[in-house]
Protein backbone atom coordinates (compact mmCIF):
# COMPACT_ATOMS: atom_id res chain seq x y z
CA MET A 1 92.00 83.04 107.97
CA ILE A 2 94.73 83.71 110.45
CA LYS A 3 96.57 81.18 108.96
CA TRP A 4 95.75 83.18 105.60
CA LEU A 5 96.95 86.46 106.45
CA PHE A 6 100.02 84.99 107.67
CA ILE A 7 101.23 83.28 104.44
CA ILE A 8 100.19 86.57 102.64
CA LEU A 9 101.99 88.56 104.68
CA ALA A 10 105.29 86.33 104.49
CA VAL A 11 104.88 86.40 100.40
CA VAL A 12 104.85 90.19 100.33
CA ILE A 13 108.11 90.22 103.07
CA LEU A 14 109.76 87.57 100.39
CA GLY A 15 108.92 89.49 97.84
CA LEU A 16 110.33 92.69 98.92
CA LEU A 17 113.40 91.52 100.33
CA SER A 18 113.93 89.70 96.89
CA LEU A 19 113.26 93.36 95.33
CA ALA A 20 116.01 94.72 97.70
CA ILE A 21 118.60 91.73 97.10
CA TRP A 22 118.02 92.10 93.44
CA VAL A 23 118.42 96.00 93.35
CA THR A 24 121.27 96.43 95.35
CA GLN A 25 123.12 93.54 93.90
CA THR A 26 122.40 95.34 90.45
CA GLU A 27 123.84 98.42 92.01
CA LYS A 28 126.83 97.03 93.04
CA SER A 29 127.51 95.41 89.16
CA GLN A 30 126.76 98.82 88.05
CA HIS A 31 129.00 100.21 90.97
CA ALA A 32 131.98 97.78 90.08
CA LYS A 33 131.80 98.66 85.77
CA ASN A 34 131.66 102.24 86.13
CA SER A 35 134.59 102.36 88.96
CA LEU A 36 136.73 100.49 86.25
CA ARG A 37 135.61 102.70 83.38
CA LEU A 38 136.53 105.98 85.54
CA HIS A 39 140.05 104.01 86.52
CA ASN A 40 140.91 103.72 82.95
CA ALA A 41 139.63 107.18 81.95
CA GLU A 42 142.24 109.71 80.65
CA PRO A 43 144.04 112.08 83.16
CA ARG A 44 143.19 115.78 83.15
CA ILE A 45 144.84 118.80 83.22
CA THR A 46 142.97 121.40 84.91
CA LEU A 47 145.40 124.12 85.86
CA ASP A 48 143.41 127.47 85.44
CA ALA A 49 140.20 125.42 85.13
CA LYS A 50 137.35 127.65 85.12
CA THR A 51 134.71 124.89 85.28
CA ALA A 52 134.13 123.12 88.30
CA VAL A 53 132.09 119.46 88.17
CA VAL A 54 130.33 118.67 91.50
CA VAL A 55 128.73 114.95 91.48
CA PHE A 56 127.22 112.54 94.06
CA SER A 57 126.67 109.66 92.48
CA ARG A 58 125.60 105.91 94.49
CA SER A 59 126.53 103.29 91.55
CA GLY A 60 128.38 105.08 89.68
CA ASN A 61 126.59 106.01 86.48
CA THR A 62 126.05 110.04 87.06
CA GLY A 63 129.96 109.72 88.44
CA VAL A 64 130.98 108.47 84.49
CA LEU A 65 128.86 111.22 83.04
CA ALA A 66 130.47 113.82 85.57
CA ASP A 67 133.55 112.66 84.28
CA HIS A 68 132.87 112.92 80.99
CA ILE A 69 131.51 116.45 81.31
CA ALA A 70 134.94 117.26 83.22
CA GLN A 71 136.87 115.93 80.37
CA LYS A 72 134.76 117.78 78.11
CA HIS A 73 135.65 121.13 79.15
CA ASN A 74 138.86 120.69 81.23
CA ALA A 75 137.08 120.93 84.29
CA GLU A 76 137.83 120.09 87.85
CA LEU A 77 135.68 117.56 89.01
CA PHE A 78 134.92 116.81 93.07
CA GLU A 79 132.59 113.97 94.51
CA ILE A 80 130.39 114.37 97.08
CA THR A 81 130.21 111.35 99.63
CA ALA A 82 127.51 110.29 101.91
CA THR A 83 127.86 107.75 104.30
CA ASP A 84 124.26 107.28 104.82
CA TYR A 85 123.56 105.95 101.41
CA GLU A 86 126.66 103.41 100.74
CA LEU A 87 126.07 100.25 98.55
CA GLY A 88 123.89 97.55 100.09
CA ILE A 89 120.55 97.19 101.59
CA PRO A 90 120.85 99.53 104.72
CA GLY A 91 121.98 102.46 102.09
CA TRP A 92 119.20 101.47 99.60
CA ILE A 93 116.35 102.07 102.40
CA ALA A 94 117.81 104.95 103.49
CA ALA A 95 117.86 106.28 99.90
CA LEU A 96 114.32 105.66 99.62
CA ASN A 97 113.30 107.23 102.93
CA ASP A 98 115.27 110.04 102.57
CA ALA A 99 114.55 110.14 98.75
CA ARG A 100 112.40 113.71 98.95
CA SER A 101 114.37 115.14 101.81
CA ASN A 102 117.07 118.51 101.38
CA VAL A 103 118.88 117.20 104.14
CA ALA A 104 122.10 115.35 104.47
CA THR A 105 125.19 114.48 106.13
CA ILE A 106 128.06 115.51 102.95
CA THR A 107 131.66 115.54 102.59
CA PRO A 108 133.06 118.01 101.58
CA SER A 109 130.31 119.92 102.89
CA ASN A 110 131.53 123.22 100.96
CA ILE A 111 134.27 123.84 98.09
CA ASN A 112 135.43 127.21 97.20
CA LEU A 113 133.89 128.08 94.24
CA GLU A 114 135.13 131.66 93.64
CA LYS A 115 137.57 130.71 90.76
CA TYR A 116 135.39 128.85 88.64
CA HIS A 117 132.57 130.68 85.89
CA THR A 118 130.50 127.55 85.36
CA ILE A 119 129.74 125.16 87.93
CA TYR A 120 127.74 121.77 86.94
CA LEU A 121 125.99 119.88 89.98
CA GLY A 122 125.32 116.35 89.26
CA SER A 123 123.25 113.45 91.17
CA PRO A 124 121.00 110.89 90.36
CA ILE A 125 117.07 111.34 90.51
CA TRP A 126 115.48 109.80 93.58
CA LEU A 127 111.55 109.43 93.54
CA TYR A 128 111.37 112.12 90.85
CA SER A 129 113.63 114.70 92.77
CA PRO A 130 117.51 115.20 92.73
CA ALA A 131 119.09 112.98 95.56
CA PRO A 132 119.57 115.10 98.99
CA PRO A 133 123.37 115.24 98.95
CA ILE A 134 123.43 117.48 95.90
CA TRP A 135 120.64 119.88 98.09
CA GLN A 136 122.60 119.61 101.08
CA PHE A 137 125.73 121.05 98.68
CA ALA A 138 123.67 123.42 97.03
CA LYS A 139 122.46 125.21 100.82
CA ASN A 140 126.07 125.10 101.89
CA ASN A 141 127.74 126.60 98.71
CA ASP A 142 128.27 130.54 97.39
CA PHE A 143 127.38 130.41 93.90
CA SER A 144 127.93 134.21 93.17
CA GLY A 145 127.84 135.06 89.51
CA LYS A 146 128.64 131.74 88.35
CA ASN A 147 126.80 129.64 85.42
CA VAL A 148 124.86 126.70 87.19
CA ILE A 149 124.08 123.50 85.58
CA LEU A 150 122.10 121.03 86.94
CA PHE A 151 122.56 117.58 85.50
CA ASN A 152 120.93 113.92 86.62
CA THR A 153 120.63 110.61 85.21
CA PHE A 154 117.44 108.45 86.29
CA ASN A 155 115.45 105.52 85.40
CA SER A 156 111.87 106.67 85.61
CA LYS A 157 111.20 110.93 85.55
CA PHE A 158 111.83 113.70 87.37
CA GLU A 159 109.14 115.94 88.60
CA GLN A 160 109.57 119.83 87.31
CA HIS A 161 109.12 121.53 90.43
CA PHE A 162 111.89 119.70 92.39
CA ILE A 163 113.86 121.65 89.72
CA ASP A 164 112.47 124.50 90.27
CA ASP A 165 112.63 124.47 94.13
CA PHE A 166 116.14 123.38 92.98
CA GLU A 167 116.16 126.60 90.75
CA LYS A 168 115.50 128.88 93.10
CA LEU A 169 118.00 127.52 95.78
CA VAL A 170 121.08 128.56 93.70
CA ARG A 171 119.45 131.71 92.61
CA ALA A 172 119.21 132.54 96.57
CA ASN A 173 122.78 131.71 96.80
CA GLY A 174 124.05 133.88 93.92
CA ALA A 175 124.08 131.89 90.65
CA LYS A 176 123.61 134.12 87.68
CA THR A 177 122.29 131.67 85.20
CA PHE A 178 120.63 128.18 86.05
CA SER A 179 119.83 125.49 83.31
CA HIS A 180 118.83 121.52 83.60
CA ARG A 181 120.69 118.97 81.21
CA TYR A 182 119.55 115.11 82.13
CA VAL A 183 119.72 111.61 80.79
CA ASN A 184 116.80 108.79 81.09
CA ARG A 185 118.73 105.59 81.11
CA GLY A 186 116.08 103.53 81.41
CA ARG A 187 114.55 101.04 83.71
CA MET A 188 116.93 99.03 86.16
CA GLY A 189 117.30 95.74 84.31
CA SER A 190 117.01 97.16 80.91
CA GLN A 191 119.28 100.52 80.79
CA ILE A 192 121.33 101.83 78.11
CA GLY A 193 124.85 101.46 78.22
CA SER A 194 127.06 103.92 79.48
CA GLN A 195 128.33 105.20 75.79
CA ASP A 196 125.18 105.73 75.00
CA MET A 197 124.14 107.70 77.95
CA LEU A 198 127.24 110.05 76.94
CA ASP A 199 126.36 110.27 73.62
CA LYS A 200 122.34 110.88 74.46
CA PHE A 201 123.79 113.89 76.98
CA ASP A 202 126.28 115.42 74.12
CA SER A 203 123.65 115.48 71.56
CA GLN A 204 121.97 118.24 73.86
CA ASP A 205 124.51 120.43 72.81
CA ASN A 206 123.24 120.07 69.14
């Protein structure tokens, strides 16, 4: 009996390890492709920009969308980093552990948003909720009189009550209006391509 328990335990551990390796290798591959795409993107002229795009993106998918939004609206683009969630198995485990949290250590923690009329805030969805770094940024910053747009990409789905809570947070910090836009990229391993993701996002304007 004990022997079989050890065998079952070993199979479970091996399965979890294989999953972790597959997911993190897929993320690294996506990050490499997305980094190349962003490197080759057209430069922007953002003098007197009235729109800001603030994004946290671990594997770069939401980052590609953020750059697209910035290009489209001649906006200034700001990237949030969170070293706890760097690519690799430790970062992936930390992301899973903290997915429902609204607390994170981020850089930068504050941005002077005073000159902008519209603020786009972007992140992936982790376990049905926006990733912790974008929550932390929303808590740290003043949105007085701003139009705030939350945008997300994800593999599965989001739960509306998390979006409602995010709206309450930014409105408590002064936001004049709030809206939510998103793209479901599909399950990892069979996701839509970057251009399809951007087209899907743009179709929401119609």
